[in-house]
PDB file of N, CA and C in Angstrom:
ATOM      1  N   MET A   1     196.597  72.606 110.471  1.00  0.00           N
ATOM      2  CA  MET A   1     196.744  73.668 111.388  1.00  0.00           C
ATOM      3  C   MET A   1     198.233  74.464 111.152  1.00  0.00           C
ATOM      4  N   LYS A   2     198.150  75.798 111.129  1.00  0.00           N
ATOM      5  CA  LYS A   2     199.325  76.485 110.726  1.00  0.00           C
ATOM      6  C   LYS A   2     200.153  76.546 111.990  1.00  0.00           C
ATOM      7  N   PRO A   3     201.377  76.033 112.088  1.00  0.00           N
ATOM      8  CA  PRO A   3     202.469  76.241 113.261  1.00  0.00           C
ATOM      9  C   PRO A   3     202.553  77.693 113.464  1.00  0.00           C
ATOM     10  N   LEU A   4     202.776  78.091 114.806  1.00  0.00           N
ATOM     11  CA  LEU A   4     202.898  79.348 115.354  1.00  0.00           C
ATOM     12  C   LEU A   4     204.305  79.473 116.022  1.00  0.00           C
ATOM     13  N   LYS A   5     204.915  80.648 115.885  1.00  0.00           N
ATOM     14  CA  LYS A   5     206.043  80.990 116.597  1.00  0.00           C
ATOM     15  C   LYS A   5     205.799  82.469 117.178  1.00  0.00           C
ATOM     16  N   GLU A   6     205.923  82.615 118.406  1.00  0.00           N
ATOM     17  CA  GLU A   6     205.512  83.863 118.960  1.00  0.00           C
ATOM     18  C   GLU A   6     206.357  84.888 118.500  1.00  0.00           C
ATOM     19  N   LYS A   7     207.743  84.704 118.297  1.00  0.00           N
ATOM     20  CA  LYS A   7     208.830  85.712 118.098  1.00  0.00           C
ATOM     21  C   LYS A   7     208.421  86.189 116.497  1.00  0.00           C
ATOM     22  N   LEU A   8     208.007  85.421 115.564  1.00  0.00           N
ATOM     23  CA  LEU A   8     207.546  85.720 114.314  1.00  0.00           C
ATOM     24  C   LEU A   8     206.202  86.584 114.266  1.00  0.00           C
ATOM     25  N   LEU A   9     205.290  86.342 115.226  1.00  0.00           N
ATOM     26  CA  LEU A   9     204.066  87.092 115.120  1.00  0.00           C
ATOM     27  C   LEU A   9     204.293  88.368 115.752  1.00  0.00           C
ATOM     28  N   ILE A  10     205.338  88.604 116.681  1.00  0.00           N
ATOM     29  CA  ILE A  10     205.653  89.880 117.143  1.00  0.00           C
ATOM     30  C   ILE A  10     206.284  90.789 116.210  1.00  0.00           C
ATOM     31  N   LYS A  11     207.010  90.220 115.143  1.00  0.00           N
ATOM     32  CA  LYS A  11     207.630  90.909 114.035  1.00  0.00           C
ATOM     33  C   LYS A  11     206.652  91.151 112.883  1.00  0.00           C
ATOM     34  N   ASP A  12     205.591  90.596 112.897  1.00  0.00           N
ATOM     35  CA  ASP A  12     204.421  90.590 111.725  1.00  0.00           C
ATOM     36  C   ASP A  12     203.662  91.912 111.849  1.00  0.00           C
ATOM     37  N   ALA A  13     203.933  92.803 110.846  1.00  0.00           N
ATOM     38  CA  ALA A  13     203.251  94.080 110.962  1.00  0.00           C
ATOM     39  C   ALA A  13     201.767  94.092 110.765  1.00  0.00           C
ATOM     40  N   THR A  14     201.213  92.991 110.023  1.00  0.00           N
ATOM     41  CA  THR A  14     199.932  92.680 109.799  1.00  0.00           C
ATOM     42  C   THR A  14     198.920  92.346 111.034  1.00  0.00           C
ATOM     43  N   ILE A  15     199.559  92.079 112.214  1.00  0.00           N
ATOM     44  CA  ILE A  15     198.953  91.728 113.289  1.00  0.00           C
ATOM     45  C   ILE A  15     199.102  92.706 114.414  1.00  0.00           C
ATOM     46  N   ASN A  16     197.941  93.248 114.627  1.00  0.00           N
ATOM     47  CA  ASN A  16     198.191  94.245 115.873  1.00  0.00           C
ATOM     48  C   ASN A  16     198.243  93.594 117.081  1.00  0.00           C
ATOM     49  N   LYS A  17     199.172  94.126 117.997  1.00  0.00           N
ATOM     50  CA  LYS A  17     199.488  93.438 119.111  1.00  0.00           C
ATOM     51  C   LYS A  17     200.061  94.652 120.153  1.00  0.00           C
ATOM     52  N   MET A  18     200.061  94.190 121.450  1.00  0.00           N
ATOM     53  CA  MET A  18     200.598  95.147 122.471  1.00  0.00           C
ATOM     54  C   MET A  18     201.101  94.293 123.551  1.00  0.00           C
ATOM     55  N   GLN A  19     202.196  94.963 124.222  1.00  0.00           N
ATOM     56  CA  GLN A  19     202.928  94.228 125.322  1.00  0.00           C
ATOM     57  C   GLN A  19     202.232  94.774 126.677  1.00  0.00           C
ATOM     58  N   PHE A  20     201.766  93.920 127.587  1.00  0.00           N
ATOM     59  CA  PHE A  20     201.154  94.206 128.824  1.00  0.00           C
ATOM     60  C   PHE A  20     202.201  93.574 129.827  1.00  0.00           C
ATOM     61  N   ASP A  21     202.843  94.335 130.803  1.00  0.00           N
ATOM     62  CA  ASP A  21     203.717  93.752 131.763  1.00  0.00           C
ATOM     63  C   ASP A  21     204.794  93.024 130.645  1.00  0.00           C
ATOM     64  N   THR A  22     204.956  91.850 130.966  1.00  0.00           N
ATOM     65  CA  THR A  22     205.946  91.075 129.973  1.00  0.00           C
ATOM     66  C   THR A  22     205.237  90.085 129.036  1.00  0.00           C
ATOM     67  N   GLU A  23     204.185  90.103 128.917  1.00  0.00           N
ATOM     68  CA  GLU A  23     203.315  89.180 127.944  1.00  0.00           C
ATOM     69  C   GLU A  23     202.611  89.993 126.736  1.00  0.00           C
ATOM     70  N   TRP A  24     202.886  89.325 125.635  1.00  0.00           N
ATOM     71  CA  TRP A  24     202.315  90.050 124.415  1.00  0.00           C
ATOM     72  C   TRP A  24     200.911  89.710 124.259  1.00  0.00           C
ATOM     73  N   PHE A  25     199.922  90.403 123.742  1.00  0.00           N
ATOM     74  CA  PHE A  25     198.655  90.221 123.537  1.00  0.00           C
ATOM     75  C   PHE A  25     198.459  90.669 122.052  1.00  0.00           C
ATOM     76  N   PHE A  26     197.584  89.512 121.311  1.00  0.00           N
ATOM     77  CA  PHE A  26     197.295  89.837 119.984  1.00  0.00           C
ATOM     78  C   PHE A  26     196.000  89.889 119.540  1.00  0.00           C
ATOM     79  N   LYS A  27     195.663  90.914 118.711  1.00  0.00           N
ATOM     80  CA  LYS A  27     194.125  91.202 118.455  1.00  0.00           C
ATOM     81  C   LYS A  27     193.751  90.047 117.826  1.00  0.00           C
ATOM     82  N   LEU A  28     192.516  89.526 118.293  1.00  0.00           N
ATOM     83  CA  LEU A  28     192.092  88.180 117.999  1.00  0.00           C
ATOM     84  C   LEU A  28     191.436  88.213 116.528  1.00  0.00           C
ATOM     85  N   ASP A  29     191.074  89.111 115.930  1.00  0.00           N
ATOM     86  CA  ASP A  29     190.424  89.269 114.566  1.00  0.00           C
ATOM     87  C   ASP A  29     191.594  89.106 113.734  1.00  0.00           C
ATOM     88  N   ASP A  30     192.722  89.851 113.932  1.00  0.00           N
ATOM     89  CA  ASP A  30     194.032  89.703 113.109  1.00  0.00           C
ATOM     90  C   ASP A  30     194.551  88.244 113.163  1.00  0.00           C
ATOM     91  N   MET A  31     194.579  87.697 114.186  1.00  0.00           N
ATOM     92  CA  MET A  31     195.072  86.326 114.380  1.00  0.00           C
ATOM     93  C   MET A  31     194.085  85.291 113.525  1.00  0.00           C
ATOM     94  N   ALA A  32     192.955  85.539 113.577  1.00  0.00           N
ATOM     95  CA  ALA A  32     191.963  84.599 112.892  1.00  0.00           C
ATOM     96  C   ALA A  32     192.194  84.738 111.487  1.00  0.00           C
ATOM     97  N   PHE A  33     192.347  86.026 110.957  1.00  0.00           N
ATOM     98  CA  PHE A  33     192.501  86.286 109.446  1.00  0.00           C
ATOM     99  C   PHE A  33     193.969  85.715 109.086  1.00  0.00           C
ATOM    100  N   PHE A  34     194.880  85.885 109.842  1.00  0.00           N
ATOM    101  CA  PHE A  34     196.295  85.431 109.660  1.00  0.00           C
ATOM    102  C   PHE A  34     196.439  83.746 109.643  1.00  0.00           C
ATOM    103  N   LEU A  35     195.504  83.187 110.468  1.00  0.00           N
ATOM    104  CA  LEU A  35     195.507  81.829 110.333  1.00  0.00           C
ATOM    105  C   LEU A  35     194.470  81.112 109.523  1.00  0.00           C
ATOM    106  N   LYS A  36     193.613  82.030 109.069  1.00  0.00           N
ATOM    107  CA  LYS A  36     192.432  81.509 108.368  1.00  0.00           C
ATOM    108  C   LYS A  36     191.743  80.368 109.201  1.00  0.00           C
ATOM    109  N   GLU A  37     191.424  80.597 110.373  1.00  0.00           N
ATOM    110  CA  GLU A  37     190.736  79.690 111.311  1.00  0.00           C
ATOM    111  C   GLU A  37     189.848  80.401 112.176  1.00  0.00           C
ATOM    112  N   ASP A  38     188.860  79.749 112.763  1.00  0.00           N
ATOM    113  CA  ASP A  38     187.754  80.213 113.532  1.00  0.00           C
ATOM    114  C   ASP A  38     188.564  80.113 115.052  1.00  0.00           C
ATOM    115  N   LEU A  39     188.657  81.303 115.619  1.00  0.00           N
ATOM    116  CA  LEU A  39     189.194  81.239 116.935  1.00  0.00           C
ATOM    117  C   LEU A  39     188.247  81.697 117.950  1.00  0.00           C
ATOM    118  N   SER A  40     187.042  81.419 117.639  1.00  0.00           N
ATOM    119  CA  SER A  40     185.830  81.684 118.603  1.00  0.00           C
ATOM    120  C   SER A  40     185.868  81.104 119.879  1.00  0.00           C
ATOM    121  N   GLU A  41     186.828  79.933 120.160  1.00  0.00           N
ATOM    122  CA  GLU A  41     186.753  79.246 121.380  1.00  0.00           C
ATOM    123  C   GLU A  41     187.850  79.752 122.062  1.00  0.00           C
ATOM    124  N   VAL A  42     188.825  80.601 121.754  1.00  0.00           N
ATOM    125  CA  VAL A  42     189.976  80.981 122.472  1.00  0.00           C
ATOM    126  C   VAL A  42     189.479  82.212 123.409  1.00  0.00           C
ATOM    127  N   GLU A  43     190.062  82.066 124.819  1.00  0.00           N
ATOM    128  CA  GLU A  43     189.811  82.933 125.684  1.00  0.00           C
ATOM    129  C   GLU A  43     190.461  84.185 125.445  1.00  0.00           C
ATOM    130  N   PHE A  44     189.641  85.346 125.713  1.00  0.00           N
ATOM    131  CA  PHE A  44     190.135  86.678 125.485  1.00  0.00           C
ATOM    132  C   PHE A  44     189.724  87.663 126.478  1.00  0.00           C
ATOM    133  N   VAL A  45     190.520  89.001 126.440  1.00  0.00           N
ATOM    134  CA  VAL A  45     190.264  90.014 127.294  1.00  0.00           C
ATOM    135  C   VAL A  45     190.090  91.260 126.298  1.00  0.00           C
ATOM    136  N   TYR A  46     189.342  92.176 126.785  1.00  0.00           N
ATOM    137  CA  TYR A  46     189.254  93.439 126.031  1.00  0.00           C
ATOM    138  C   TYR A  46     190.181  94.383 126.463  1.00  0.00           C
ATOM    139  N   LEU A  47     191.155  95.004 125.449  1.00  0.00           N
ATOM    140  CA  LEU A  47     192.347  95.858 126.013  1.00  0.00           C
ATOM    141  C   LEU A  47     192.156  97.024 125.041  1.00  0.00           C
ATOM    142  N   PRO A  48     192.667  98.141 125.366  1.00  0.00           N
ATOM    143  CA  PRO A  48     192.724  99.305 124.395  1.00  0.00           C
ATOM    144  C   PRO A  48     194.150  99.078 123.698  1.00  0.00           C
ATOM    145  N   MET A  49     193.763  99.217 122.452  1.00  0.00           N
ATOM    146  CA  MET A  49     195.023  99.123 121.483  1.00  0.00           C
ATOM    147  C   MET A  49     194.976 100.334 120.511  1.00  0.00           C
ATOM    148  N   LEU A  50     196.255 100.895 120.094  1.00  0.00           N
ATOM    149  CA  LEU A  50     196.358 101.859 119.152  1.00  0.00           C
ATOM    150  C   LEU A  50     196.423 101.253 117.662  1.00  0.00           C
ATOM    151  N   ILE A  51     195.403 101.636 116.908  1.00  0.00           N
ATOM    152  CA  ILE A  51     195.211 101.114 115.557  1.00  0.00           C
ATOM    153  C   ILE A  51     195.062 101.971 114.577  1.00  0.00           C
ATOM    154  N   ASP A  52     195.758 102.298 113.625  1.00  0.00           N
ATOM    155  CA  ASP A  52     195.794 103.386 112.788  1.00  0.00           C
ATOM    156  C   ASP A  52     195.554 104.729 113.374  1.00  0.00           C
ATOM    157  N   GLY A  53     196.371 104.987 114.430  1.00  0.00           N
ATOM    158  CA  GLY A  53     196.389 106.232 115.172  1.00  0.00           C
ATOM    159  C   GLY A  53     195.221 106.575 116.095  1.00  0.00           C
ATOM    160  N   GLU A  54     194.367 105.530 116.336  1.00  0.00           N
ATOM    161  CA  GLU A  54     193.233 105.679 117.217  1.00  0.00           C
ATOM    162  C   GLU A  54     193.132 104.534 118.203  1.00  0.00           C
ATOM    163  N   THR A  55     192.843 104.851 119.433  1.00  0.00           N
ATOM    164  CA  THR A  55     192.639 103.888 120.353  1.00  0.00           C
ATOM    165  C   THR A  55     191.259 103.179 120.178  1.00  0.00           C
ATOM    166  N   GLU A  56     191.240 101.870 120.065  1.00  0.00           N
ATOM    167  CA  GLU A  56     190.220 101.052 120.252  1.00  0.00           C
ATOM    168  C   GLU A  56     190.273 100.050 121.078  1.00  0.00           C
ATOM    169  N   ILE A  57     189.073  99.667 121.766  1.00  0.00           N
ATOM    170  CA  ILE A  57     189.011  98.536 122.554  1.00  0.00           C
ATOM    171  C   ILE A  57     188.528  97.198 121.899  1.00  0.00           C
ATOM    172  N   VAL A  58     189.661  96.349 121.968  1.00  0.00           N
ATOM    173  CA  VAL A  58     189.485  95.085 120.960  1.00  0.00           C
ATOM    174  C   VAL A  58     189.604  93.912 121.735  1.00  0.00           C
ATOM    175  N   LYS A  59     189.186  92.792 121.169  1.00  0.00           N
ATOM    176  CA  LYS A  59     189.389  91.324 121.851  1.00  0.00           C
ATOM    177  C   LYS A  59     190.983  90.984 121.680  1.00  0.00           C
ATOM    178  N   CYS A  60     191.626  90.668 122.769  1.00  0.00           N
ATOM    179  CA  CYS A  60     192.970  90.292 122.539  1.00  0.00           C
ATOM    180  C   CYS A  60     193.108  89.082 123.288  1.00  0.00           C
ATOM    181  N   SER A  61     194.222  88.299 122.790  1.00  0.00           N
ATOM    182  CA  SER A  61     194.632  87.076 123.550  1.00  0.00           C
ATOM    183  C   SER A  61     196.071  86.755 123.622  1.00  0.00           C
ATOM    184  N   SER A  62     196.486  86.163 124.688  1.00  0.00           N
ATOM    185  CA  SER A  62     197.877  86.093 124.834  1.00  0.00           C
ATOM    186  C   SER A  62     198.339  84.795 123.832  1.00  0.00           C
ATOM    187  N   PHE A  63     199.743  84.576 123.650  1.00  0.00           N
ATOM    188  CA  PHE A  63     200.158  83.426 122.574  1.00  0.00           C
ATOM    189  C   PHE A  63     199.588  82.150 123.351  1.00  0.00           C
ATOM    190  N   GLU A  64     199.707  82.117 124.555  1.00  0.00           N
ATOM    191  CA  GLU A  64     199.354  80.792 125.196  1.00  0.00           C
ATOM    192  C   GLU A  64     197.889  80.320 124.908  1.00  0.00           C
ATOM    193  N   ASP A  65     197.142  81.550 125.233  1.00  0.00           N
ATOM    194  CA  ASP A  65     195.635  81.252 124.997  1.00  0.00           C
ATOM    195  C   ASP A  65     195.209  80.964 123.754  1.00  0.00           C
ATOM    196  N   ILE A  66     195.895  81.392 122.757  1.00  0.00           N
ATOM    197  CA  ILE A  66     195.643  81.111 121.271  1.00  0.00           C
ATOM    198  C   ILE A  66     196.059  79.627 121.114  1.00  0.00           C
ATOM    199  N   ILE A  67     197.236  79.329 121.374  1.00  0.00           N
ATOM    200  CA  ILE A  67     197.693  77.860 121.242  1.00  0.00           C
ATOM    201  C   ILE A  67     196.665  76.884 122.044  1.00  0.00           C
ATOM    202  N   ARG A  68     196.367  77.303 123.235  1.00  0.00           N
ATOM    203  CA  ARG A  68     195.486  76.293 124.097  1.00  0.00           C
ATOM    204  C   ARG A  68     193.995  76.386 123.344  1.00  0.00           C
ATOM    205  N   GLY A  69     193.621  77.408 122.862  1.00  0.00           N
ATOM    206  CA  GLY A  69     192.342  77.312 122.373  1.00  0.00           C
ATOM    207  C   GLY A  69     192.066  76.636 121.116  1.00  0.00           C
ATOM    208  N   ARG A  70     193.364  76.684 120.157  1.00  0.00           N
ATOM    209  CA  ARG A  70     193.352  76.030 118.922  1.00  0.00           C
ATOM    210  C   ARG A  70     193.225  74.566 119.176  1.00  0.00           C
ATOM    211  N   LYS A  71     194.022  73.948 120.190  1.00  0.00           N
ATOM    212  CA  LYS A  71     194.266  72.557 120.577  1.00  0.00           C
ATOM    213  C   LYS A  71     192.962  72.021 121.079  1.00  0.00           C
ATOM    214  N   GLU A  72     192.182  72.832 121.921  1.00  0.00           N
ATOM    215  CA  GLU A  72     190.952  72.398 122.550  1.00  0.00           C
ATOM    216  C   GLU A  72     189.870  72.247 121.162  1.00  0.00           C
ATOM    217  N   PHE A  73     189.920  73.205 120.467  1.00  0.00           N
ATOM    218  CA  PHE A  73     188.961  73.422 119.332  1.00  0.00           C
ATOM    219  C   PHE A  73     189.230  72.352 118.281  1.00  0.00           C
ATOM    220  N   ASP A  74     190.567  71.852 118.168  1.00  0.00           N
ATOM    221  CA  ASP A  74     190.979  70.951 117.251  1.00  0.00           C
ATOM    222  C   ASP A  74     190.468  69.381 117.591  1.00  0.00           C
ATOM    223  N   GLN A  75     190.420  69.164 118.903  1.00  0.00           N
ATOM    224  CA  GLN A  75     189.995  67.854 119.474  1.00  0.00           C
ATOM    225  C   GLN A  75     188.496  67.314 119.236  1.00  0.00           C
TER     226      GLN A  75
END
C-alpha cells in the first residue's frame, strides 16, 4: 500500500482537489488512479469541482476518509 502525505497530495497537479472550510477534498477517481487501488469502499460526498475550466459534480473524499477506507478495505 502506497504511503500518503496530505501536503504532497495538495501540491500534486494530477489530482483534482478543493478546499471546503479548512478541509481538503480530493477527487476519488484521481486518487484511485494515483494509488492504483480500488477505493470503492471509501466514504465520499458529491461536490462541485472546477475541472479543465468546467464545473463538474464529482465524488470527493477527505484525506482522513481515504486513509480510513484504505485501512478498512485492507483488513
